[in-house]
Amino acid sequence: MREAVKALEGQGLVRSTPFAGVVAAPISLEDFSEVADVRLLLEPIGTALATQHLSPSDLGELSRLIEAMDAALAAGDAAAFAEGDRAFHELLFEHCPNRRLRELLTALRAASQRNTALFGRMPEHLTVSQAEHRVLLAALREGDEAAVEAAARAHRQAVTDRLRPVVAAEAEAGLGAQGGTTNG
Protein backbone atom coordinates (compact mmCIF):
# COMPACT_ATOMS: atom_id res chain seq x y z
CA MET A 1 0.00 0.00 0.00
CA ARG A 2 2.80 2.37 0.93
CA GLU A 3 4.51 1.79 -2.43
CA ALA A 4 1.28 2.41 -4.31
CA VAL A 5 0.80 5.72 -2.48
CA LYS A 6 4.42 6.69 -3.26
CA ALA A 7 3.84 5.90 -6.93
CA LEU A 8 0.71 8.06 -6.94
CA GLU A 9 2.63 10.84 -5.19
CA GLY A 10 5.35 10.56 -7.83
CA GLN A 11 2.71 11.07 -10.52
CA GLY A 12 1.35 14.10 -8.66
CA LEU A 13 -2.04 12.47 -8.14
CA VAL A 14 -2.06 12.45 -4.33
CA ARG A 15 -0.48 14.36 -1.47
CA SER A 16 0.59 12.66 1.70
CA THR A 17 0.71 14.63 4.93
CA PRO A 18 2.29 13.05 8.01
CA PHE A 19 -0.29 12.21 10.67
CA ALA A 20 -3.09 13.52 8.43
CA GLY A 21 -3.29 10.97 5.64
CA VAL A 22 -3.47 10.98 1.87
CA VAL A 23 -5.71 13.23 -0.23
CA ALA A 24 -6.16 13.70 -3.96
CA ALA A 25 -3.85 16.41 -5.25
CA PRO A 26 -5.53 19.37 -6.87
CA ILE A 27 -5.37 19.56 -10.65
CA SER A 28 -2.93 22.24 -11.68
CA LEU A 29 -3.60 24.23 -14.82
CA GLU A 30 0.02 23.67 -15.85
CA ASP A 31 -0.28 19.88 -15.59
CA PHE A 32 -3.61 19.92 -17.38
CA SER A 33 -2.23 22.07 -20.20
CA GLU A 34 0.91 19.99 -20.67
CA VAL A 35 -0.98 16.71 -20.89
CA ALA A 36 -3.72 18.25 -23.05
CA ASP A 37 -1.18 19.69 -25.50
CA VAL A 38 0.59 16.35 -25.95
CA ARG A 39 -2.72 14.49 -26.28
CA LEU A 40 -3.78 16.94 -28.97
CA LEU A 41 -0.61 16.14 -30.91
CA LEU A 42 -0.69 12.35 -30.54
CA GLU A 43 -4.30 11.16 -30.23
CA PRO A 44 -5.43 12.19 -33.71
CA ILE A 45 -2.49 10.35 -35.27
CA GLY A 46 -2.99 7.24 -33.15
CA THR A 47 -6.69 7.19 -33.91
CA ALA A 48 -6.08 7.63 -37.64
CA LEU A 49 -3.53 4.80 -37.61
CA ALA A 50 -6.08 2.55 -35.92
CA THR A 51 -8.62 3.12 -38.70
CA GLN A 52 -7.50 0.27 -40.97
CA HIS A 53 -7.13 -2.13 -38.03
CA LEU A 54 -10.71 -2.02 -36.78
CA SER A 55 -12.92 -4.97 -37.61
CA PRO A 56 -16.66 -4.74 -38.23
CA SER A 57 -17.03 -6.16 -34.72
CA ASP A 58 -14.88 -3.34 -33.31
CA LEU A 59 -17.01 -0.77 -35.12
CA GLY A 60 -20.10 -2.43 -33.65
CA GLU A 61 -18.58 -2.22 -30.18
CA LEU A 62 -17.83 1.50 -30.68
CA SER A 63 -21.46 1.99 -31.68
CA ARG A 64 -22.62 0.05 -28.63
CA LEU A 65 -20.44 2.25 -26.41
CA ILE A 66 -22.01 5.36 -27.91
CA GLU A 67 -25.44 3.90 -27.12
CA ALA A 68 -24.32 3.20 -23.54
CA MET A 69 -23.11 6.81 -23.23
CA ASP A 70 -26.50 7.96 -24.57
CA ALA A 71 -28.21 5.94 -21.83
CA ALA A 72 -25.87 7.43 -19.22
CA LEU A 73 -26.72 10.91 -20.49
CA ALA A 74 -30.44 10.18 -20.28
CA ALA A 75 -29.98 8.94 -16.71
CA GLY A 76 -27.80 11.91 -15.74
CA ASP A 77 -25.00 9.49 -14.82
CA ALA A 78 -21.73 11.33 -15.52
CA ALA A 79 -19.66 8.48 -14.06
CA ALA A 80 -21.20 5.93 -16.45
CA PHE A 81 -20.69 8.35 -19.33
CA ALA A 82 -17.03 8.78 -18.38
CA GLU A 83 -16.61 4.99 -18.25
CA GLY A 84 -18.10 4.65 -21.74
CA ASP A 85 -15.88 7.46 -23.00
CA ARG A 86 -12.82 5.73 -21.54
CA ALA A 87 -13.75 2.41 -23.15
CA PHE A 88 -14.51 4.09 -26.52
CA HIS A 89 -11.12 5.78 -26.75
CA GLU A 90 -9.18 2.84 -25.30
CA LEU A 91 -10.67 0.54 -27.94
CA LEU A 92 -9.37 2.91 -30.60
CA PHE A 93 -5.93 3.14 -28.97
CA GLU A 94 -5.70 -0.66 -28.70
CA HIS A 95 -5.87 -0.88 -32.49
CA CYS A 96 -3.10 1.62 -33.15
CA PRO A 97 -0.41 -0.49 -34.84
CA ASN A 98 2.46 1.59 -33.40
CA ARG A 99 3.23 -0.02 -30.04
CA ARG A 100 5.14 2.95 -28.62
CA LEU A 101 2.45 5.42 -29.63
CA ARG A 102 -0.18 3.10 -28.14
CA GLU A 103 1.74 3.07 -24.84
CA LEU A 104 2.08 6.85 -24.85
CA LEU A 105 -1.63 7.31 -25.54
CA THR A 106 -2.53 4.99 -22.68
CA ALA A 107 -0.17 6.80 -20.29
CA LEU A 108 -1.45 10.23 -21.33
CA ARG A 109 -5.05 9.17 -20.87
CA ALA A 110 -4.20 7.79 -17.42
CA ALA A 111 -2.45 11.06 -16.54
CA SER A 112 -5.61 12.99 -17.30
CA GLN A 113 -8.12 10.47 -15.96
CA ARG A 114 -8.94 12.55 -12.92
CA ASN A 115 -10.17 15.33 -15.21
CA THR A 116 -13.23 13.18 -15.81
CA ALA A 117 -14.26 14.01 -12.25
CA LEU A 118 -15.21 17.39 -13.69
CA PHE A 119 -17.72 15.88 -16.15
CA GLY A 120 -20.41 15.89 -13.47
CA ARG A 121 -20.03 19.65 -13.18
CA MET A 122 -20.49 20.29 -16.89
CA PRO A 123 -23.38 18.22 -18.29
CA GLU A 124 -23.42 20.25 -21.52
CA HIS A 125 -19.94 18.88 -22.24
CA LEU A 126 -21.27 15.33 -22.34
CA THR A 127 -23.92 16.10 -24.95
CA VAL A 128 -21.48 17.91 -27.23
CA SER A 129 -18.87 15.20 -26.74
CA GLN A 130 -21.41 12.61 -27.90
CA ALA A 131 -21.97 14.50 -31.14
CA GLU A 132 -18.19 14.52 -31.65
CA HIS A 133 -18.02 10.77 -30.99
CA ARG A 134 -20.66 10.22 -33.69
CA VAL A 135 -18.66 12.25 -36.24
CA LEU A 136 -15.56 10.22 -35.37
CA LEU A 137 -17.42 6.91 -35.68
CA ALA A 138 -18.83 7.91 -39.07
CA ALA A 139 -15.32 8.68 -40.35
CA LEU A 140 -14.05 5.37 -38.95
CA ARG A 141 -16.83 3.49 -40.73
CA GLU A 142 -15.85 5.20 -44.00
CA GLY A 143 -12.24 4.14 -43.43
CA ASP A 144 -11.07 7.66 -44.25
CA GLU A 145 -7.90 8.17 -42.19
CA ALA A 146 -7.69 11.90 -42.97
CA ALA A 147 -11.29 12.42 -41.84
CA VAL A 148 -10.67 10.29 -38.74
CA GLU A 149 -7.59 12.33 -37.85
CA ALA A 150 -9.51 15.59 -38.37
CA ALA A 151 -12.47 14.37 -36.28
CA ALA A 152 -10.19 13.11 -33.50
CA ARG A 153 -8.27 16.42 -33.50
CA ALA A 154 -11.49 18.46 -33.40
CA HIS A 155 -12.82 16.31 -30.54
CA ARG A 156 -9.62 16.51 -28.51
CA GLN A 157 -9.35 20.29 -29.03
CA ALA A 158 -12.98 20.85 -28.11
CA VAL A 159 -12.70 18.71 -24.97
CA THR A 160 -9.61 20.67 -23.94
CA ASP A 161 -11.32 23.99 -24.64
CA ARG A 162 -14.35 22.99 -22.57
CA LEU A 163 -12.33 21.62 -19.65
CA ARG A 164 -9.63 24.33 -19.45
CA PRO A 165 -11.77 27.05 -17.77
CA VAL A 166 -13.20 24.53 -15.31
CA VAL A 167 -9.72 23.24 -14.45
CA ALA A 168 -8.48 26.83 -14.12
CA ALA A 169 -11.30 27.66 -11.69
CA GLU A 170 -10.67 24.47 -9.72
CA ALA A 171 -6.92 25.14 -9.58
CA GLU A 172 -7.51 28.73 -8.48
CA ALA A 173 -9.80 27.53 -5.72
CA GLY A 174 -7.27 24.83 -4.80
CA LEU A 175 -9.88 22.12 -5.17
CA GLY A 176 -8.59 19.98 -8.02
CA ALA A 177 -10.84 17.05 -8.74
CA GLN A 178 -11.72 16.52 -5.10
CA GLY A 179 -15.36 16.01 -4.39
CA GLY A 180 -16.30 15.43 -8.01
CA THR A 181 -17.95 12.56 -9.75
CA THR A 182 -15.31 10.04 -10.70
CA ASN A 183 -15.35 7.45 -13.42
CA GLY A 184 -13.66 4.12 -13.95
C-alpha atoms as a PDB file:
ATOM      1  CA  MET A   1       0.000   0.000   0.000  1.00  0.00           C
ATOM      2  CA  ARG A   2       2.798   2.373   0.931  1.00  0.00           C
ATOM      3  CA  GLU A   3       4.513   1.791  -2.426  1.00  0.00           C
ATOM      4  CA  ALA A   4       1.278   2.414  -4.311  1.00  0.00           C
ATOM      5  CA  VAL A   5       0.803   5.722  -2.477  1.00  0.00           C
ATOM      6  CA  LYS A   6       4.418   6.691  -3.256  1.00  0.00           C
ATOM      7  CA  ALA A   7       3.837   5.895  -6.931  1.00  0.00           C
ATOM      8  CA  LEU A   8       0.707   8.061  -6.940  1.00  0.00           C
ATOM      9  CA  GLU A   9       2.635  10.845  -5.194  1.00  0.00           C
ATOM     10  CA  GLY A  10       5.351  10.563  -7.828  1.00  0.00           C
ATOM     11  CA  GLN A  11       2.707  11.071 -10.520  1.00  0.00           C
ATOM     12  CA  GLY A  12       1.353  14.096  -8.658  1.00  0.00           C
ATOM     13  CA  LEU A  13      -2.044  12.466  -8.143  1.00  0.00           C
ATOM     14  CA  VAL A  14      -2.058  12.450  -4.328  1.00  0.00           C
ATOM     15  CA  ARG A  15      -0.483  14.359  -1.468  1.00  0.00           C
ATOM     16  CA  SER A  16       0.591  12.664   1.696  1.00  0.00           C
ATOM     17  CA  THR A  17       0.707  14.628   4.935  1.00  0.00           C
ATOM     18  CA  PRO A  18       2.292  13.048   8.013  1.00  0.00           C
ATOM     19  CA  PHE A  19      -0.292  12.212  10.675  1.00  0.00           C
ATOM     20  CA  ALA A  20      -3.088  13.520   8.426  1.00  0.00           C
ATOM     21  CA  GLY A  21      -3.290  10.970   5.636  1.00  0.00           C
ATOM     22  CA  VAL A  22      -3.473  10.979   1.868  1.00  0.00           C
ATOM     23  CA  VAL A  23      -5.707  13.232  -0.232  1.00  0.00           C
ATOM     24  CA  ALA A  24      -6.161  13.704  -3.956  1.00  0.00           C
ATOM     25  CA  ALA A  25      -3.845  16.407  -5.251  1.00  0.00           C
ATOM     26  CA  PRO A  26      -5.526  19.370  -6.874  1.00  0.00           C
ATOM     27  CA  ILE A  27      -5.373  19.556 -10.646  1.00  0.00           C
ATOM     28  CA  SER A  28      -2.931  22.239 -11.678  1.00  0.00           C
ATOM     29  CA  LEU A  29      -3.601  24.226 -14.818  1.00  0.00           C
ATOM     30  CA  GLU A  30       0.015  23.669 -15.855  1.00  0.00           C
ATOM     31  CA  ASP A  31      -0.283  19.877 -15.592  1.00  0.00           C
ATOM     32  CA  PHE A  32      -3.614  19.924 -17.376  1.00  0.00           C
ATOM     33  CA  SER A  33      -2.229  22.074 -20.196  1.00  0.00           C
ATOM     34  CA  GLU A  34       0.910  19.986 -20.667  1.00  0.00           C
ATOM     35  CA  VAL A  35      -0.976  16.710 -20.893  1.00  0.00           C
ATOM     36  CA  ALA A  36      -3.718  18.248 -23.054  1.00  0.00           C
ATOM     37  CA  ASP A  37      -1.179  19.685 -25.496  1.00  0.00           C
ATOM     38  CA  VAL A  38       0.587  16.352 -25.947  1.00  0.00           C
ATOM     39  CA  ARG A  39      -2.716  14.495 -26.275  1.00  0.00           C
ATOM     40  CA  LEU A  40      -3.778  16.944 -28.972  1.00  0.00           C
ATOM     41  CA  LEU A  41      -0.614  16.138 -30.911  1.00  0.00           C
ATOM     42  CA  LEU A  42      -0.694  12.352 -30.543  1.00  0.00           C
ATOM     43  CA  GLU A  43      -4.301  11.156 -30.227  1.00  0.00           C
ATOM     44  CA  PRO A  44      -5.433  12.195 -33.713  1.00  0.00           C
ATOM     45  CA  ILE A  45      -2.486  10.354 -35.268  1.00  0.00           C
ATOM     46  CA  GLY A  46      -2.986   7.236 -33.152  1.00  0.00           C
ATOM     47  CA  THR A  47      -6.692   7.193 -33.910  1.00  0.00           C
ATOM     48  CA  ALA A  48      -6.084   7.632 -37.639  1.00  0.00           C
ATOM     49  CA  LEU A  49      -3.529   4.804 -37.613  1.00  0.00           C
ATOM     50  CA  ALA A  50      -6.079   2.547 -35.917  1.00  0.00           C
ATOM     51  CA  THR A  51      -8.623   3.121 -38.705  1.00  0.00           C
ATOM     52  CA  GLN A  52      -7.501   0.270 -40.973  1.00  0.00           C
ATOM     53  CA  HIS A  53      -7.129  -2.132 -38.034  1.00  0.00           C
ATOM     54  CA  LEU A  54     -10.705  -2.016 -36.783  1.00  0.00           C
ATOM     55  CA  SER A  55     -12.917  -4.974 -37.611  1.00  0.00           C
ATOM     56  CA  PRO A  56     -16.656  -4.744 -38.231  1.00  0.00           C
ATOM     57  CA  SER A  57     -17.032  -6.165 -34.722  1.00  0.00           C
ATOM     58  CA  ASP A  58     -14.882  -3.344 -33.308  1.00  0.00           C
ATOM     59  CA  LEU A  59     -17.008  -0.772 -35.120  1.00  0.00           C
ATOM     60  CA  GLY A  60     -20.104  -2.425 -33.652  1.00  0.00           C
ATOM     61  CA  GLU A  61     -18.577  -2.218 -30.182  1.00  0.00           C
ATOM     62  CA  LEU A  62     -17.829   1.496 -30.682  1.00  0.00           C
ATOM     63  CA  SER A  63     -21.459   1.990 -31.684  1.00  0.00           C
ATOM     64  CA  ARG A  64     -22.620   0.047 -28.626  1.00  0.00           C
ATOM     65  CA  LEU A  65     -20.439   2.246 -26.409  1.00  0.00           C
ATOM     66  CA  ILE A  66     -22.013   5.361 -27.907  1.00  0.00           C
ATOM     67  CA  GLU A  67     -25.441   3.902 -27.117  1.00  0.00           C
ATOM     68  CA  ALA A  68     -24.318   3.200 -23.540  1.00  0.00           C
ATOM     69  CA  MET A  69     -23.113   6.811 -23.227  1.00  0.00           C
ATOM     70  CA  ASP A  70     -26.505   7.962 -24.570  1.00  0.00           C
ATOM     71  CA  ALA A  71     -28.207   5.937 -21.826  1.00  0.00           C
ATOM     72  CA  ALA A  72     -25.869   7.431 -19.220  1.00  0.00           C
ATOM     73  CA  LEU A  73     -26.720  10.911 -20.487  1.00  0.00           C
ATOM     74  CA  ALA A  74     -30.437  10.183 -20.278  1.00  0.00           C
ATOM     75  CA  ALA A  75     -29.980   8.941 -16.706  1.00  0.00           C
ATOM     76  CA  GLY A  76     -27.803  11.906 -15.737  1.00  0.00           C
ATOM     77  CA  ASP A  77     -25.004   9.494 -14.821  1.00  0.00           C
ATOM     78  CA  ALA A  78     -21.731  11.333 -15.518  1.00  0.00           C
ATOM     79  CA  ALA A  79     -19.660   8.478 -14.061  1.00  0.00           C
ATOM     80  CA  ALA A  80     -21.198   5.931 -16.450  1.00  0.00           C
ATOM     81  CA  PHE A  81     -20.689   8.351 -19.330  1.00  0.00           C
ATOM     82  CA  ALA A  82     -17.031   8.778 -18.380  1.00  0.00           C
ATOM     83  CA  GLU A  83     -16.612   4.992 -18.245  1.00  0.00           C
ATOM     84  CA  GLY A  84     -18.100   4.650 -21.736  1.00  0.00           C
ATOM     85  CA  ASP A  85     -15.882   7.457 -22.998  1.00  0.00           C
ATOM     86  CA  ARG A  86     -12.822   5.732 -21.538  1.00  0.00           C
ATOM     87  CA  ALA A  87     -13.751   2.414 -23.151  1.00  0.00           C
ATOM     88  CA  PHE A  88     -14.505   4.089 -26.518  1.00  0.00           C
ATOM     89  CA  HIS A  89     -11.116   5.776 -26.748  1.00  0.00           C
ATOM     90  CA  GLU A  90      -9.182   2.841 -25.305  1.00  0.00           C
ATOM     91  CA  LEU A  91     -10.672   0.544 -27.943  1.00  0.00           C
ATOM     92  CA  LEU A  92      -9.369   2.907 -30.596  1.00  0.00           C
ATOM     93  CA  PHE A  93      -5.925   3.138 -28.973  1.00  0.00           C
ATOM     94  CA  GLU A  94      -5.701  -0.661 -28.697  1.00  0.00           C
ATOM     95  CA  HIS A  95      -5.868  -0.878 -32.493  1.00  0.00           C
ATOM     96  CA  CYS A  96      -3.100   1.624 -33.147  1.00  0.00           C
ATOM     97  CA  PRO A  97      -0.408  -0.491 -34.837  1.00  0.00           C
ATOM     98  CA  ASN A  98       2.460   1.587 -33.403  1.00  0.00           C
ATOM     99  CA  ARG A  99       3.227  -0.016 -30.039  1.00  0.00           C
ATOM    100  CA  ARG A 100       5.141   2.952 -28.616  1.00  0.00           C
ATOM    101  CA  LEU A 101       2.455   5.417 -29.628  1.00  0.00           C
ATOM    102  CA  ARG A 102      -0.177   3.101 -28.141  1.00  0.00           C
ATOM    103  CA  GLU A 103       1.743   3.065 -24.838  1.00  0.00           C
ATOM    104  CA  LEU A 104       2.081   6.853 -24.849  1.00  0.00           C
ATOM    105  CA  LEU A 105      -1.627   7.311 -25.540  1.00  0.00           C
ATOM    106  CA  THR A 106      -2.534   4.994 -22.681  1.00  0.00           C
ATOM    107  CA  ALA A 107      -0.166   6.800 -20.292  1.00  0.00           C
ATOM    108  CA  LEU A 108      -1.451  10.229 -21.326  1.00  0.00           C
ATOM    109  CA  ARG A 109      -5.054   9.166 -20.872  1.00  0.00           C
ATOM    110  CA  ALA A 110      -4.201   7.785 -17.422  1.00  0.00           C
ATOM    111  CA  ALA A 111      -2.449  11.056 -16.541  1.00  0.00           C
ATOM    112  CA  SER A 112      -5.612  12.988 -17.303  1.00  0.00           C
ATOM    113  CA  GLN A 113      -8.117  10.470 -15.963  1.00  0.00           C
ATOM    114  CA  ARG A 114      -8.942  12.552 -12.916  1.00  0.00           C
ATOM    115  CA  ASN A 115     -10.169  15.334 -15.211  1.00  0.00           C
ATOM    116  CA  THR A 116     -13.232  13.178 -15.812  1.00  0.00           C
ATOM    117  CA  ALA A 117     -14.264  14.012 -12.254  1.00  0.00           C
ATOM    118  CA  LEU A 118     -15.211  17.388 -13.693  1.00  0.00           C
ATOM    119  CA  PHE A 119     -17.725  15.878 -16.150  1.00  0.00           C
ATOM    120  CA  GLY A 120     -20.414  15.889 -13.466  1.00  0.00           C
ATOM    121  CA  ARG A 121     -20.026  19.649 -13.177  1.00  0.00           C
ATOM    122  CA  MET A 122     -20.491  20.290 -16.891  1.00  0.00           C
ATOM    123  CA  PRO A 123     -23.377  18.220 -18.291  1.00  0.00           C
ATOM    124  CA  GLU A 124     -23.416  20.251 -21.522  1.00  0.00           C
ATOM    125  CA  HIS A 125     -19.938  18.875 -22.245  1.00  0.00           C
ATOM    126  CA  LEU A 126     -21.273  15.334 -22.337  1.00  0.00           C
ATOM    127  CA  THR A 127     -23.918  16.104 -24.952  1.00  0.00           C
ATOM    128  CA  VAL A 128     -21.477  17.914 -27.231  1.00  0.00           C
ATOM    129  CA  SER A 129     -18.866  15.204 -26.738  1.00  0.00           C
ATOM    130  CA  GLN A 130     -21.410  12.614 -27.895  1.00  0.00           C
ATOM    131  CA  ALA A 131     -21.968  14.497 -31.138  1.00  0.00           C
ATOM    132  CA  GLU A 132     -18.193  14.522 -31.655  1.00  0.00           C
ATOM    133  CA  HIS A 133     -18.024  10.771 -30.986  1.00  0.00           C
ATOM    134  CA  ARG A 134     -20.656  10.219 -33.695  1.00  0.00           C
ATOM    135  CA  VAL A 135     -18.655  12.251 -36.244  1.00  0.00           C
ATOM    136  CA  LEU A 136     -15.559  10.222 -35.368  1.00  0.00           C
ATOM    137  CA  LEU A 137     -17.420   6.910 -35.680  1.00  0.00           C
ATOM    138  CA  ALA A 138     -18.831   7.909 -39.075  1.00  0.00           C
ATOM    139  CA  ALA A 139     -15.316   8.680 -40.349  1.00  0.00           C
ATOM    140  CA  LEU A 140     -14.049   5.366 -38.948  1.00  0.00           C
ATOM    141  CA  ARG A 141     -16.834   3.495 -40.735  1.00  0.00           C
ATOM    142  CA  GLU A 142     -15.852   5.199 -44.002  1.00  0.00           C
ATOM    143  CA  GLY A 143     -12.244   4.137 -43.425  1.00  0.00           C
ATOM    144  CA  ASP A 144     -11.074   7.662 -44.248  1.00  0.00           C
ATOM    145  CA  GLU A 145      -7.904   8.167 -42.194  1.00  0.00           C
ATOM    146  CA  ALA A 146      -7.691  11.896 -42.967  1.00  0.00           C
ATOM    147  CA  ALA A 147     -11.287  12.417 -41.837  1.00  0.00           C
ATOM    148  CA  VAL A 148     -10.668  10.286 -38.741  1.00  0.00           C
ATOM    149  CA  GLU A 149      -7.591  12.331 -37.850  1.00  0.00           C
ATOM    150  CA  ALA A 150      -9.509  15.591 -38.368  1.00  0.00           C
ATOM    151  CA  ALA A 151     -12.467  14.373 -36.278  1.00  0.00           C
ATOM    152  CA  ALA A 152     -10.188  13.107 -33.505  1.00  0.00           C
ATOM    153  CA  ARG A 153      -8.274  16.416 -33.503  1.00  0.00           C
ATOM    154  CA  ALA A 154     -11.494  18.460 -33.405  1.00  0.00           C
ATOM    155  CA  HIS A 155     -12.821  16.313 -30.542  1.00  0.00           C
ATOM    156  CA  ARG A 156      -9.623  16.514 -28.506  1.00  0.00           C
ATOM    157  CA  GLN A 157      -9.350  20.290 -29.030  1.00  0.00           C
ATOM    158  CA  ALA A 158     -12.982  20.847 -28.112  1.00  0.00           C
ATOM    159  CA  VAL A 159     -12.696  18.710 -24.968  1.00  0.00           C
ATOM    160  CA  THR A 160      -9.612  20.671 -23.942  1.00  0.00           C
ATOM    161  CA  ASP A 161     -11.321  23.991 -24.640  1.00  0.00           C
ATOM    162  CA  ARG A 162     -14.353  22.986 -22.570  1.00  0.00           C
ATOM    163  CA  LEU A 163     -12.329  21.623 -19.654  1.00  0.00           C
ATOM    164  CA  ARG A 164      -9.631  24.331 -19.454  1.00  0.00           C
ATOM    165  CA  PRO A 165     -11.770  27.048 -17.772  1.00  0.00           C
ATOM    166  CA  VAL A 166     -13.200  24.531 -15.309  1.00  0.00           C
ATOM    167  CA  VAL A 167      -9.720  23.242 -14.445  1.00  0.00           C
ATOM    168  CA  ALA A 168      -8.477  26.833 -14.116  1.00  0.00           C
ATOM    169  CA  ALA A 169     -11.297  27.664 -11.689  1.00  0.00           C
ATOM    170  CA  GLU A 170     -10.670  24.473  -9.719  1.00  0.00           C
ATOM    171  CA  ALA A 171      -6.924  25.144  -9.581  1.00  0.00           C
ATOM    172  CA  GLU A 172      -7.508  28.726  -8.482  1.00  0.00           C
ATOM    173  CA  ALA A 173      -9.802  27.532  -5.721  1.00  0.00           C
ATOM    174  CA  GLY A 174      -7.270  24.829  -4.798  1.00  0.00           C
ATOM    175  CA  LEU A 175      -9.882  22.117  -5.167  1.00  0.00           C
ATOM    176  CA  GLY A 176      -8.586  19.976  -8.016  1.00  0.00           C
ATOM    177  CA  ALA A 177     -10.836  17.053  -8.742  1.00  0.00           C
ATOM    178  CA  GLN A 178     -11.720  16.523  -5.097  1.00  0.00           C
ATOM    179  CA  GLY A 179     -15.356  16.010  -4.388  1.00  0.00           C
ATOM    180  CA  GLY A 180     -16.304  15.431  -8.011  1.00  0.00           C
ATOM    181  CA  THR A 181     -17.950  12.557  -9.749  1.00  0.00           C
ATOM    182  CA  THR A 182     -15.311  10.036 -10.702  1.00  0.00           C
ATOM    183  CA  ASN A 183     -15.347   7.447 -13.416  1.00  0.00           C
ATOM    184  CA  GLY A 184     -13.660   4.122 -13.945  1.00  0.00           C
END
